[in-house]
Amino acid sequence: MTDHSEKTEVDVSDILNAAGIACKGIIIEQEPGMYPHKKRISDNWSYFTAATFRHLYAEHNASPSSVAIVGIGNGIEGSAAVRAFPSSLKTLYISDVDEGVVAGASRNIRRNLPKRSRVKIEPFIGSFCEPLVERGVRADIVFANIPNLPAAQGADLSGGAEKGTFLRPELYEGYHPPQKYIKWALGAQYAYLMSAKDALTERGSVFTEVGGRVPLALLSELFEETGYRAEEVLVGFKEQTEPLIDFLGYRAFEEEYGVAFDFYKYEPALATLEEFGKGNIIQESGEVCKTALERHRVTAGEAVQLFHRQVAVGHTVHIIKGTKRKL
């Protein structure tokens, strides 16, 4: 259960506006157990989520009647969905492993509903899409940003930063992810995609928001092997937040499995990406983006050293859509 003793009110309208969703006065209560809000817009994963919802509406004429957000955090993504799909959305499902986080996010979304909105908010507690499936819920869009790193036994995951970075490995081990995904810290992604199959409507789509620290071809394989056709919807770039715990976590995988993750020196990488469009949303494919950034690439082990020298390090962001393959 999350400790609600410390709450901070934050105006997050700038995130939605930057993503192309016009609004004002979107105030949330940030609680200690929620993934922390960041002052710089592009440091917030919710910015890329909101930009994706806006892109789906504006460029793909998406009109979902139901959206499920797995790992709702502080609720910004829920407010983004409500405002990105103003005419079609009837039901918003939200879930998280922490009951207190779900309750707080639900309050944040409800307090920021547009006037005369009739969107129904339905909260669930549990891992991946399991609570949706258990209750027979299906959604047109299922969206998640899943923590990748396995938590050490007995680790304290009560804080929002830790909860947004680590998850208990037993949550995904039951899905028996292949070793090639385990060694790249994609076991939880495998579990999420497998769990989403029975949470989608007939024409529904599953989305994952993932840092491009791994080979992109492996992400395509991941979707293929879990039963989906993959389509990259949006590409971005952000500084690694919670840097040291992430760098150390990924370095441990490099040392154990002999892999090498893709990070980039933030400032020179961002300057290079200016040729593909202003800001942190990239108007090019992930492969083109990562190829352009190759000269700025560092491993997780090298990122640890750069952190101690106070050099900012970032990674690409990829929102990938999966539609179920017909048997």
C-alpha atoms as a PDB file:
ATOM      1  CA  MET A   1       0.000   0.000   0.000  1.00  0.00           C
ATOM      2  CA  THR A   2       1.291   3.425  -0.921  1.00  0.00           C
ATOM      3  CA  ASP A   3       1.984   6.003   1.796  1.00  0.00           C
ATOM      4  CA  HIS A   4      -0.273   8.992   1.122  1.00  0.00           C
ATOM      5  CA  SER A   5       1.319  11.231   3.771  1.00  0.00           C
ATOM      6  CA  GLU A   6       3.188  13.373   1.244  1.00  0.00           C
ATOM      7  CA  LYS A   7       1.302  14.804  -1.703  1.00  0.00           C
ATOM      8  CA  THR A   8       2.305  17.563  -4.100  1.00  0.00           C
ATOM      9  CA  GLU A   9       0.019  19.317  -6.563  1.00  0.00           C
ATOM     10  CA  VAL A  10       1.503  19.654 -10.053  1.00  0.00           C
ATOM     11  CA  ASP A  11       0.135  21.375 -13.159  1.00  0.00           C
ATOM     12  CA  VAL A  12       0.885  18.965 -16.019  1.00  0.00           C
ATOM     13  CA  SER A  13      -0.917  20.885 -18.765  1.00  0.00           C
ATOM     14  CA  ASP A  14       2.429  21.640 -20.416  1.00  0.00           C
ATOM     15  CA  ILE A  15       2.999  17.941 -21.123  1.00  0.00           C
ATOM     16  CA  LEU A  16      -0.298  17.504 -22.930  1.00  0.00           C
ATOM     17  CA  ASN A  17       0.022  20.783 -24.805  1.00  0.00           C
ATOM     18  CA  ALA A  18       3.534  19.883 -25.979  1.00  0.00           C
ATOM     19  CA  ALA A  19       2.108  16.592 -27.252  1.00  0.00           C
ATOM     20  CA  GLY A  20      -0.524  18.442 -29.290  1.00  0.00           C
ATOM     21  CA  ILE A  21      -3.458  17.992 -26.897  1.00  0.00           C
ATOM     22  CA  ALA A  22      -4.760  21.484 -26.113  1.00  0.00           C
ATOM     23  CA  CYS A  23      -5.752  21.973 -22.479  1.00  0.00           C
ATOM     24  CA  LYS A  24      -5.217  24.091 -19.393  1.00  0.00           C
ATOM     25  CA  GLY A  25      -5.406  23.630 -15.661  1.00  0.00           C
ATOM     26  CA  ILE A  26      -4.668  19.890 -15.552  1.00  0.00           C
ATOM     27  CA  ILE A  27      -3.653  19.531 -11.916  1.00  0.00           C
ATOM     28  CA  ILE A  28      -2.614  16.217 -10.400  1.00  0.00           C
ATOM     29  CA  GLU A  29      -1.667  15.147  -6.911  1.00  0.00           C
ATOM     30  CA  GLN A  30       1.739  13.486  -7.051  1.00  0.00           C
ATOM     31  CA  GLU A  31       2.161  10.865  -4.326  1.00  0.00           C
ATOM     32  CA  PRO A  32       5.389   9.166  -3.157  1.00  0.00           C
ATOM     33  CA  GLY A  33       4.446   5.765  -4.592  1.00  0.00           C
ATOM     34  CA  MET A  34       3.786   7.162  -8.057  1.00  0.00           C
ATOM     35  CA  TYR A  35       6.456   7.389 -10.721  1.00  0.00           C
ATOM     36  CA  PRO A  36       7.808  10.922 -10.165  1.00  0.00           C
ATOM     37  CA  HIS A  37       6.828  13.830 -12.366  1.00  0.00           C
ATOM     38  CA  LYS A  38       9.782  15.569 -14.044  1.00  0.00           C
ATOM     39  CA  LYS A  39      10.066  19.312 -14.654  1.00  0.00           C
ATOM     40  CA  ARG A  40      11.504  18.943 -18.164  1.00  0.00           C
ATOM     41  CA  ILE A  41       8.705  17.788 -20.451  1.00  0.00           C
ATOM     42  CA  SER A  42      10.760  15.272 -22.428  1.00  0.00           C
ATOM     43  CA  ASP A  43      11.927  13.553 -19.231  1.00  0.00           C
ATOM     44  CA  ASN A  44       8.359  12.307 -18.700  1.00  0.00           C
ATOM     45  CA  TRP A  45       7.341   9.056 -20.365  1.00  0.00           C
ATOM     46  CA  SER A  46       3.781  10.409 -20.283  1.00  0.00           C
ATOM     47  CA  TYR A  47       4.801  13.013 -22.876  1.00  0.00           C
ATOM     48  CA  PHE A  48       5.533  10.282 -25.407  1.00  0.00           C
ATOM     49  CA  THR A  49       2.337   8.450 -24.450  1.00  0.00           C
ATOM     50  CA  ALA A  50       0.270  11.590 -24.984  1.00  0.00           C
ATOM     51  CA  ALA A  51       2.019  12.259 -28.305  1.00  0.00           C
ATOM     52  CA  THR A  52       1.182   8.721 -29.395  1.00  0.00           C
ATOM     53  CA  PHE A  53      -2.504   9.117 -28.552  1.00  0.00           C
ATOM     54  CA  ARG A  54      -2.599  12.420 -30.424  1.00  0.00           C
ATOM     55  CA  HIS A  55      -0.838  10.839 -33.410  1.00  0.00           C
ATOM     56  CA  LEU A  56      -3.286   7.933 -33.503  1.00  0.00           C
ATOM     57  CA  TYR A  57      -6.217  10.339 -33.507  1.00  0.00           C
ATOM     58  CA  ALA A  58      -4.829  12.887 -35.965  1.00  0.00           C
ATOM     59  CA  GLU A  59      -2.972  10.642 -38.407  1.00  0.00           C
ATOM     60  CA  HIS A  60      -4.759   7.291 -38.143  1.00  0.00           C
ATOM     61  CA  ASN A  61      -8.318   8.435 -37.373  1.00  0.00           C
ATOM     62  CA  ALA A  62      -8.324   6.209 -34.303  1.00  0.00           C
ATOM     63  CA  SER A  63     -11.677   6.219 -32.506  1.00  0.00           C
ATOM     64  CA  PRO A  64     -11.468   3.719 -29.660  1.00  0.00           C
ATOM     65  CA  SER A  65     -14.481   3.300 -27.423  1.00  0.00           C
ATOM     66  CA  SER A  66     -12.272   1.707 -24.761  1.00  0.00           C
ATOM     67  CA  VAL A  67      -8.647   2.218 -23.715  1.00  0.00           C
ATOM     68  CA  ALA A  68      -6.713   0.295 -21.063  1.00  0.00           C
ATOM     69  CA  ILE A  69      -3.546   1.760 -19.563  1.00  0.00           C
ATOM     70  CA  VAL A  70      -1.415  -0.794 -17.740  1.00  0.00           C
ATOM     71  CA  GLY A  71       0.876   0.785 -15.151  1.00  0.00           C
ATOM     72  CA  ILE A  72      -1.075   4.027 -14.826  1.00  0.00           C
ATOM     73  CA  GLY A  73       1.353   5.848 -12.508  1.00  0.00           C
ATOM     74  CA  ASN A  74       0.106   9.322 -11.622  1.00  0.00           C
ATOM     75  CA  GLY A  75      -2.711   9.294 -14.166  1.00  0.00           C
ATOM     76  CA  ILE A  76      -1.428  11.776 -16.766  1.00  0.00           C
ATOM     77  CA  GLU A  77      -1.730   9.147 -19.501  1.00  0.00           C
ATOM     78  CA  GLY A  78      -5.377   8.649 -18.567  1.00  0.00           C
ATOM     79  CA  SER A  79      -6.112  12.348 -18.928  1.00  0.00           C
ATOM     80  CA  ALA A  80      -4.284  12.280 -22.254  1.00  0.00           C
ATOM     81  CA  ALA A  81      -6.461   9.426 -23.531  1.00  0.00           C
ATOM     82  CA  VAL A  82      -9.676  11.148 -22.461  1.00  0.00           C
ATOM     83  CA  ARG A  83      -8.728  14.334 -24.303  1.00  0.00           C
ATOM     84  CA  ALA A  84      -7.086  12.706 -27.330  1.00  0.00           C
ATOM     85  CA  PHE A  85     -10.216  10.681 -28.157  1.00  0.00           C
ATOM     86  CA  PRO A  86     -12.936  13.151 -27.097  1.00  0.00           C
ATOM     87  CA  SER A  87     -15.841  11.790 -29.128  1.00  0.00           C
ATOM     88  CA  SER A  88     -15.315   8.039 -29.151  1.00  0.00           C
ATOM     89  CA  LEU A  89     -13.929   7.089 -25.737  1.00  0.00           C
ATOM     90  CA  LYS A  90     -16.547   5.654 -23.414  1.00  0.00           C
ATOM     91  CA  THR A  91     -14.521   3.587 -20.934  1.00  0.00           C
ATOM     92  CA  LEU A  92     -10.997   4.023 -19.595  1.00  0.00           C
ATOM     93  CA  TYR A  93      -9.512   1.054 -17.749  1.00  0.00           C
ATOM     94  CA  ILE A  94      -6.478   1.741 -15.562  1.00  0.00           C
ATOM     95  CA  SER A  95      -4.310  -0.687 -13.635  1.00  0.00           C
ATOM     96  CA  ASP A  96      -1.214  -0.878 -11.502  1.00  0.00           C
ATOM     97  CA  VAL A  97       0.307  -3.308  -9.012  1.00  0.00           C
ATOM     98  CA  ASP A  98      -0.162  -0.803  -6.178  1.00  0.00           C
ATOM     99  CA  GLU A  99      -3.673  -0.221  -4.857  1.00  0.00           C
ATOM    100  CA  GLY A 100      -2.808   3.223  -3.542  1.00  0.00           C
ATOM    101  CA  VAL A 101      -1.327   4.318  -6.885  1.00  0.00           C
ATOM    102  CA  VAL A 102      -4.456   3.192  -8.728  1.00  0.00           C
ATOM    103  CA  ALA A 103      -6.681   5.063  -6.275  1.00  0.00           C
ATOM    104  CA  GLY A 104      -4.614   8.249  -6.592  1.00  0.00           C
ATOM    105  CA  ALA A 105      -4.437   8.059 -10.383  1.00  0.00           C
ATOM    106  CA  SER A 106      -8.184   7.502 -10.543  1.00  0.00           C
ATOM    107  CA  ARG A 107      -8.754  10.633  -8.471  1.00  0.00           C
ATOM    108  CA  ASN A 108      -6.383  12.622 -10.699  1.00  0.00           C
ATOM    109  CA  ILE A 109      -8.151  11.543 -13.877  1.00  0.00           C
ATOM    110  CA  ARG A 110     -11.641  12.178 -12.509  1.00  0.00           C
ATOM    111  CA  ARG A 111     -10.794  15.663 -11.221  1.00  0.00           C
ATOM    112  CA  ASN A 112      -9.531  16.611 -14.685  1.00  0.00           C
ATOM    113  CA  LEU A 113     -12.339  15.211 -16.812  1.00  0.00           C
ATOM    114  CA  PRO A 114     -13.628  17.778 -19.332  1.00  0.00           C
ATOM    115  CA  LYS A 115     -17.008  19.273 -18.574  1.00  0.00           C
ATOM    116  CA  ARG A 116     -19.872  17.056 -19.692  1.00  0.00           C
ATOM    117  CA  SER A 117     -17.504  14.121 -20.186  1.00  0.00           C
ATOM    118  CA  ARG A 118     -19.219  10.772 -19.699  1.00  0.00           C
ATOM    119  CA  VAL A 119     -16.097   8.630 -19.795  1.00  0.00           C
ATOM    120  CA  LYS A 120     -16.299   5.837 -17.242  1.00  0.00           C
ATOM    121  CA  ILE A 121     -13.103   5.177 -15.263  1.00  0.00           C
ATOM    122  CA  GLU A 122     -12.633   1.573 -14.151  1.00  0.00           C
ATOM    123  CA  PRO A 123      -9.600   0.831 -11.919  1.00  0.00           C
ATOM    124  CA  PHE A 124      -7.948  -2.585 -11.494  1.00  0.00           C
ATOM    125  CA  ILE A 125      -5.125  -3.918  -9.325  1.00  0.00           C
ATOM    126  CA  GLY A 126      -2.614  -6.422 -10.663  1.00  0.00           C
ATOM    127  CA  SER A 127       0.240  -7.255 -13.027  1.00  0.00           C
ATOM    128  CA  PHE A 128       0.300  -6.811 -16.790  1.00  0.00           C
ATOM    129  CA  CYS A 129      -3.179  -7.412 -18.298  1.00  0.00           C
ATOM    130  CA  GLU A 130      -4.061 -10.107 -15.783  1.00  0.00           C
ATOM    131  CA  PRO A 131      -6.741  -8.164 -13.851  1.00  0.00           C
ATOM    132  CA  LEU A 132      -8.464  -7.239 -17.124  1.00  0.00           C
ATOM    133  CA  VAL A 133      -8.469 -10.819 -18.362  1.00  0.00           C
ATOM    134  CA  GLU A 134      -9.684 -12.167 -15.019  1.00  0.00           C
ATOM    135  CA  ARG A 135     -12.758  -9.948 -15.271  1.00  0.00           C
ATOM    136  CA  GLY A 136     -13.388 -10.561 -18.962  1.00  0.00           C
ATOM    137  CA  VAL A 137     -12.516  -6.984 -19.933  1.00  0.00           C
ATOM    138  CA  ARG A 138     -11.468  -6.266 -23.515  1.00  0.00           C
ATOM    139  CA  ALA A 139     -10.275  -2.903 -24.877  1.00  0.00           C
ATOM    140  CA  ASP A 140      -9.698  -1.400 -28.317  1.00  0.00           C
ATOM    141  CA  ILE A 141      -6.320  -0.060 -27.172  1.00  0.00           C
ATOM    142  CA  VAL A 142      -4.133  -1.614 -24.485  1.00  0.00           C
ATOM    143  CA  PHE A 143      -1.108   0.567 -23.696  1.00  0.00           C
ATOM    144  CA  ALA A 144       1.767   0.032 -21.259  1.00  0.00           C
ATOM    145  CA  ASN A 145       5.217   1.210 -20.269  1.00  0.00           C
ATOM    146  CA  ILE A 146       6.509  -1.822 -18.388  1.00  0.00           C
ATOM    147  CA  PRO A 147       9.551  -1.748 -16.057  1.00  0.00           C
ATOM    148  CA  ASN A 148      12.298  -3.922 -17.540  1.00  0.00           C
ATOM    149  CA  LEU A 149      14.764  -4.617 -14.745  1.00  0.00           C
ATOM    150  CA  PRO A 150      14.166  -7.469 -12.283  1.00  0.00           C
ATOM    151  CA  ALA A 151      14.206  -6.444  -8.642  1.00  0.00           C
ATOM    152  CA  ALA A 152      16.568  -8.133  -6.208  1.00  0.00           C
ATOM    153  CA  GLN A 153      14.925 -10.380  -3.647  1.00  0.00           C
ATOM    154  CA  GLY A 154      13.612  -8.306  -0.775  1.00  0.00           C
ATOM    155  CA  ALA A 155      14.101  -4.993  -2.599  1.00  0.00           C
ATOM    156  CA  ASP A 156      11.993  -2.051  -1.420  1.00  0.00           C
ATOM    157  CA  LEU A 157       9.739  -1.043  -4.316  1.00  0.00           C
ATOM    158  CA  SER A 158       7.510   1.340  -2.373  1.00  0.00           C
ATOM    159  CA  GLY A 159       9.036   4.456  -3.970  1.00  0.00           C
ATOM    160  CA  GLY A 160       7.792   5.640  -7.342  1.00  0.00           C
ATOM    161  CA  ALA A 161      11.239   5.756  -8.977  1.00  0.00           C
ATOM    162  CA  GLU A 162      12.045   2.190  -7.957  1.00  0.00           C
ATOM    163  CA  LYS A 163       8.579   0.964  -8.873  1.00  0.00           C
ATOM    164  CA  GLY A 164       8.909   2.485 -12.337  1.00  0.00           C
ATOM    165  CA  THR A 165      12.311   0.855 -12.898  1.00  0.00           C
ATOM    166  CA  PHE A 166      12.135  -2.592 -11.325  1.00  0.00           C
ATOM    167  CA  LEU A 167       9.593  -5.363 -11.020  1.00  0.00           C
ATOM    168  CA  ARG A 168       9.618  -8.643  -9.201  1.00  0.00           C
ATOM    169  CA  PRO A 169      10.832 -11.353 -11.622  1.00  0.00           C
ATOM    170  CA  GLU A 170       8.238 -13.865 -10.436  1.00  0.00           C
ATOM    171  CA  LEU A 171       5.616 -11.680 -12.115  1.00  0.00           C
ATOM    172  CA  TYR A 172       6.943 -12.570 -15.553  1.00  0.00           C
ATOM    173  CA  GLU A 173       8.670 -15.888 -14.954  1.00  0.00           C
ATOM    174  CA  GLY A 174       5.372 -17.754 -15.130  1.00  0.00           C
ATOM    175  CA  TYR A 175       5.091 -16.775 -18.792  1.00  0.00           C
ATOM    176  CA  HIS A 176       8.365 -18.617 -19.508  1.00  0.00           C
ATOM    177  CA  PRO A 177      10.025 -15.969 -21.695  1.00  0.00           C
ATOM    178  CA  PRO A 178      12.761 -17.385 -23.958  1.00  0.00           C
ATOM    179  CA  GLN A 179      16.331 -16.827 -22.843  1.00  0.00           C
ATOM    180  CA  LYS A 180      17.081 -14.453 -25.720  1.00  0.00           C
ATOM    181  CA  TYR A 181      14.609 -11.994 -24.203  1.00  0.00           C
ATOM    182  CA  ILE A 182      15.709 -12.607 -20.607  1.00  0.00           C
ATOM    183  CA  LYS A 183      19.317 -11.639 -21.380  1.00  0.00           C
ATOM    184  CA  TRP A 184      18.182  -8.340 -22.928  1.00  0.00           C
ATOM    185  CA  ALA A 185      15.905  -7.532 -19.946  1.00  0.00           C
ATOM    186  CA  LEU A 186      12.773  -8.087 -22.033  1.00  0.00           C
ATOM    187  CA  GLY A 187      11.197 -10.838 -19.956  1.00  0.00           C
ATOM    188  CA  ALA A 188       8.525  -8.492 -18.619  1.00  0.00           C
ATOM    189  CA  GLN A 189       7.762  -7.206 -22.128  1.00  0.00           C
ATOM    190  CA  TYR A 190       7.206 -10.792 -23.242  1.00  0.00           C
ATOM    191  CA  ALA A 191       4.827 -11.399 -20.335  1.00  0.00           C
ATOM    192  CA  TYR A 192       2.884  -8.192 -21.016  1.00  0.00           C
ATOM    193  CA  LEU A 193       2.351  -9.011 -24.680  1.00  0.00           C
ATOM    194  CA  MET A 194       1.292 -12.562 -23.894  1.00  0.00           C
ATOM    195  CA  SER A 195      -1.144 -11.333 -21.241  1.00  0.00           C
ATOM    196  CA  ALA A 196      -2.679  -8.779 -23.619  1.00  0.00           C
ATOM    197  CA  LYS A 197      -3.990 -11.340 -26.100  1.00  0.00           C
ATOM    198  CA  ASP A 198      -7.196 -11.947 -24.172  1.00  0.00           C
ATOM    199  CA  ALA A 199      -7.617  -8.282 -23.228  1.00  0.00           C
ATOM    200  CA  LEU A 200      -8.098  -7.006 -26.793  1.00  0.00           C
ATOM    201  CA  THR A 201     -11.292  -6.576 -28.765  1.00  0.00           C
ATOM    202  CA  GLU A 202     -11.481  -8.318 -32.127  1.00  0.00           C
ATOM    203  CA  ARG A 203      -9.776  -5.418 -33.917  1.00  0.00           C
ATOM    204  CA  GLY A 204      -7.936  -4.106 -30.895  1.00  0.00           C
ATOM    205  CA  SER A 205      -4.242  -3.237 -30.705  1.00  0.00           C
ATOM    206  CA  VAL A 206      -1.622  -3.579 -27.994  1.00  0.00           C
ATOM    207  CA  PHE A 207       1.038  -0.899 -27.557  1.00  0.00           C
ATOM    208  CA  THR A 208       4.306  -1.002 -25.685  1.00  0.00           C
ATOM    209  CA  GLU A 209       6.445   2.027 -24.894  1.00  0.00           C
ATOM    210  CA  VAL A 210      10.031   0.884 -24.584  1.00  0.00           C
ATOM    211  CA  GLY A 211      13.497   2.368 -24.392  1.00  0.00           C
ATOM    212  CA  GLY A 212      15.529   1.482 -27.469  1.00  0.00           C
ATOM    213  CA  ARG A 213      18.457   0.157 -25.495  1.00  0.00           C
ATOM    214  CA  VAL A 214      18.156  -3.194 -27.282  1.00  0.00           C
ATOM    215  CA  PRO A 215      18.477  -4.198 -30.960  1.00  0.00           C
ATOM    216  CA  LEU A 216      15.271  -3.108 -32.692  1.00  0.00           C
ATOM    217  CA  ALA A 217      15.158  -6.335 -34.676  1.00  0.00           C
ATOM    218  CA  LEU A 218      14.760  -8.144 -31.358  1.00  0.00           C
ATOM    219  CA  LEU A 219      11.650  -6.096 -30.565  1.00  0.00           C
ATOM    220  CA  SER A 220      10.163  -7.128 -33.913  1.00  0.00           C
ATOM    221  CA  GLU A 221      10.912 -10.762 -33.072  1.00  0.00           C
ATOM    222  CA  LEU A 222       9.313 -10.281 -29.670  1.00  0.00           C
ATOM    223  CA  PHE A 223       6.037  -9.168 -31.218  1.00  0.00           C
ATOM    224  CA  GLU A 224       6.160 -11.888 -33.857  1.00  0.00           C
ATOM    225  CA  GLU A 225       6.775 -14.669 -31.345  1.00  0.00           C
ATOM    226  CA  THR A 226       4.000 -13.486 -29.048  1.00  0.00           C
ATOM    227  CA  GLY A 227       1.507 -13.521 -31.902  1.00  0.00           C
ATOM    228  CA  TYR A 228       1.378  -9.980 -33.276  1.00  0.00           C
ATOM    229  CA  ARG A 229       2.223  -7.988 -36.362  1.00  0.00           C
ATOM    230  CA  ALA A 230       4.433  -5.110 -35.228  1.00  0.00           C
ATOM    231  CA  GLU A 231       4.307  -1.500 -36.407  1.00  0.00           C
ATOM    232  CA  GLU A 232       6.464   1.309 -35.073  1.00  0.00           C
ATOM    233  CA  VAL A 233       4.151   4.235 -34.353  1.00  0.00           C
ATOM    234  CA  LEU A 234       6.388   6.872 -32.789  1.00  0.00           C
ATOM    235  CA  VAL A 235      10.096   7.428 -32.126  1.00  0.00           C
ATOM    236  CA  GLY A 236      11.573   9.772 -29.562  1.00  0.00           C
ATOM    237  CA  PHE A 237      14.662  10.503 -27.527  1.00  0.00           C
ATOM    238  CA  LYS A 238      14.992  11.257 -23.835  1.00  0.00           C
ATOM    239  CA  GLU A 239      17.583  11.547 -21.137  1.00  0.00           C
ATOM    240  CA  GLN A 240      17.829   8.509 -18.897  1.00  0.00           C
ATOM    241  CA  THR A 241      15.974   9.379 -15.710  1.00  0.00           C
ATOM    242  CA  GLU A 242      16.825   7.572 -12.460  1.00  0.00           C
ATOM    243  CA  PRO A 243      20.180   7.175 -14.222  1.00  0.00           C
ATOM    244  CA  LEU A 244      22.434   5.421 -11.757  1.00  0.00           C
ATOM    245  CA  ILE A 245      20.041   2.638 -10.742  1.00  0.00           C
ATOM    246  CA  ASP A 246      19.227   2.038 -14.412  1.00  0.00           C
ATOM    247  CA  PHE A 247      22.843   2.075 -15.578  1.00  0.00           C
ATOM    248  CA  LEU A 248      23.887  -0.297 -12.800  1.00  0.00           C
ATOM    249  CA  GLY A 249      20.953  -2.581 -13.530  1.00  0.00           C
ATOM    250  CA  TYR A 250      21.695  -2.824 -17.240  1.00  0.00           C
ATOM    251  CA  ARG A 251      25.434  -3.122 -16.589  1.00  0.00           C
ATOM    252  CA  ALA A 252      24.714  -6.229 -14.508  1.00  0.00           C
ATOM    253  CA  PHE A 253      23.040  -7.772 -17.567  1.00  0.00           C
ATOM    254  CA  GLU A 254      26.029  -6.846 -19.729  1.00  0.00           C
ATOM    255  CA  GLU A 255      28.361  -8.556 -17.300  1.00  0.00           C
ATOM    256  CA  GLU A 256      26.208 -11.665 -16.838  1.00  0.00           C
ATOM    257  CA  TYR A 257      25.103 -12.272 -20.425  1.00  0.00           C
ATOM    258  CA  GLY A 258      27.766 -10.583 -22.566  1.00  0.00           C
ATOM    259  CA  VAL A 259      25.321  -8.186 -24.227  1.00  0.00           C
ATOM    260  CA  ALA A 260      25.836  -4.453 -24.795  1.00  0.00           C
ATOM    261  CA  PHE A 261      22.955  -2.011 -24.414  1.00  0.00           C
ATOM    262  CA  ASP A 262      22.546   1.145 -26.501  1.00  0.00           C
ATOM    263  CA  PHE A 263      22.814   4.439 -24.660  1.00  0.00           C
ATOM    264  CA  TYR A 264      23.962   7.765 -26.112  1.00  0.00           C
ATOM    265  CA  LYS A 265      25.660  10.897 -24.842  1.00  0.00           C
ATOM    266  CA  TYR A 266      22.613  13.089 -24.475  1.00  0.00           C
ATOM    267  CA  GLU A 267      23.620  16.564 -25.652  1.00  0.00           C
ATOM    268  CA  PRO A 268      25.535  15.617 -28.836  1.00  0.00           C
ATOM    269  CA  ALA A 269      22.874  13.011 -29.682  1.00  0.00           C
ATOM    270  CA  LEU A 270      20.082  15.553 -29.359  1.00  0.00           C
ATOM    271  CA  ALA A 271      22.016  17.956 -31.595  1.00  0.00           C
ATOM    272  CA  THR A 272      22.411  15.224 -34.214  1.00  0.00           C
ATOM    273  CA  LEU A 273      18.686  14.484 -34.145  1.00  0.00           C
ATOM    274  CA  GLU A 274      17.786  18.102 -34.943  1.00  0.00           C
ATOM    275  CA  GLU A 275      18.058  17.240 -38.639  1.00  0.00           C
ATOM    276  CA  PHE A 276      15.080  14.919 -38.190  1.00  0.00           C
ATOM    277  CA  GLY A 277      12.825  17.512 -36.583  1.00  0.00           C
ATOM    278  CA  LYS A 278      12.829  19.795 -33.581  1.00  0.00           C
ATOM    279  CA  GLY A 279      12.402  18.523 -30.068  1.00  0.00           C
ATOM    280  CA  ASN A 280      12.393  14.996 -28.734  1.00  0.00           C
ATOM    281  CA  ILE A 281       9.864  13.484 -31.150  1.00  0.00           C
ATOM    282  CA  ILE A 282      11.771  12.147 -34.152  1.00  0.00           C
ATOM    283  CA  GLN A 283      10.291  12.230 -37.652  1.00  0.00           C
ATOM    284  CA  GLU A 284      12.189   9.159 -38.783  1.00  0.00           C
ATOM    285  CA  SER A 285      12.204   5.422 -38.174  1.00  0.00           C
ATOM    286  CA  GLY A 286      13.933   3.957 -35.161  1.00  0.00           C
ATOM    287  CA  GLU A 287      16.562   2.289 -37.323  1.00  0.00           C
ATOM    288  CA  VAL A 288      17.429   5.564 -39.070  1.00  0.00           C
ATOM    289  CA  CYS A 289      17.544   7.320 -35.706  1.00  0.00           C
ATOM    290  CA  LYS A 290      19.849   4.774 -34.076  1.00  0.00           C
ATOM    291  CA  THR A 291      22.135   4.645 -37.106  1.00  0.00           C
ATOM    292  CA  ALA A 292      22.531   8.419 -36.980  1.00  0.00           C
ATOM    293  CA  LEU A 293      23.370   8.229 -33.273  1.00  0.00           C
ATOM    294  CA  GLU A 294      25.930   5.430 -33.533  1.00  0.00           C
ATOM    295  CA  ARG A 295      28.921   7.747 -33.071  1.00  0.00           C
ATOM    296  CA  HIS A 296      27.493   8.866 -29.713  1.00  0.00           C
ATOM    297  CA  ARG A 297      26.744   5.348 -28.474  1.00  0.00           C
ATOM    298  CA  VAL A 298      27.926   4.069 -25.087  1.00  0.00           C
ATOM    299  CA  THR A 299      27.221   0.872 -23.181  1.00  0.00           C
ATOM    300  CA  ALA A 300      25.586   0.711 -19.765  1.00  0.00           C
ATOM    301  CA  GLY A 301      29.017   0.164 -18.208  1.00  0.00           C
ATOM    302  CA  GLU A 302      30.351   3.267 -19.913  1.00  0.00           C
ATOM    303  CA  ALA A 303      27.210   5.171 -18.898  1.00  0.00           C
ATOM    304  CA  VAL A 304      28.014   4.481 -15.240  1.00  0.00           C
ATOM    305  CA  GLN A 305      31.409   6.142 -15.712  1.00  0.00           C
ATOM    306  CA  LEU A 306      29.842   9.101 -17.535  1.00  0.00           C
ATOM    307  CA  PHE A 307      27.320   9.523 -14.713  1.00  0.00           C
ATOM    308  CA  HIS A 308      30.135   9.968 -12.210  1.00  0.00           C
ATOM    309  CA  ARG A 309      31.625  12.592 -14.534  1.00  0.00           C
ATOM    310  CA  GLN A 310      28.222  14.339 -14.650  1.00  0.00           C
ATOM    311  CA  VAL A 311      27.758  13.684 -18.372  1.00  0.00           C
ATOM    312  CA  ALA A 312      24.101  13.198 -19.312  1.00  0.00           C
ATOM    313  CA  VAL A 313      23.195  10.005 -21.161  1.00  0.00           C
ATOM    314  CA  GLY A 314      19.985   9.224 -23.029  1.00  0.00           C
ATOM    315  CA  HIS A 315      18.240   6.547 -25.064  1.00  0.00           C
ATOM    316  CA  THR A 316      15.760   6.318 -27.895  1.00  0.00           C
ATOM    317  CA  VAL A 317      12.058   5.777 -27.229  1.00  0.00           C
ATOM    318  CA  HIS A 318       9.875   3.502 -29.343  1.00  0.00           C
ATOM    319  CA  ILE A 319       6.128   3.054 -29.253  1.00  0.00           C
ATOM    320  CA  ILE A 320       5.275  -0.165 -31.038  1.00  0.00           C
ATOM    321  CA  LYS A 321       1.786  -1.289 -31.988  1.00  0.00           C
ATOM    322  CA  GLY A 322       0.834  -4.938 -32.195  1.00  0.00           C
ATOM    323  CA  THR A 323      -2.214  -6.376 -33.919  1.00  0.00           C
ATOM    324  CA  LYS A 324      -3.036 -10.028 -33.449  1.00  0.00           C
ATOM    325  CA  ARG A 325      -2.076 -12.247 -36.367  1.00  0.00           C
ATOM    326  CA  LYS A 326      -4.876 -14.288 -37.806  1.00  0.00           C
ATOM    327  CA  LEU A 327      -4.387 -18.020 -37.369  1.00  0.00           C
END
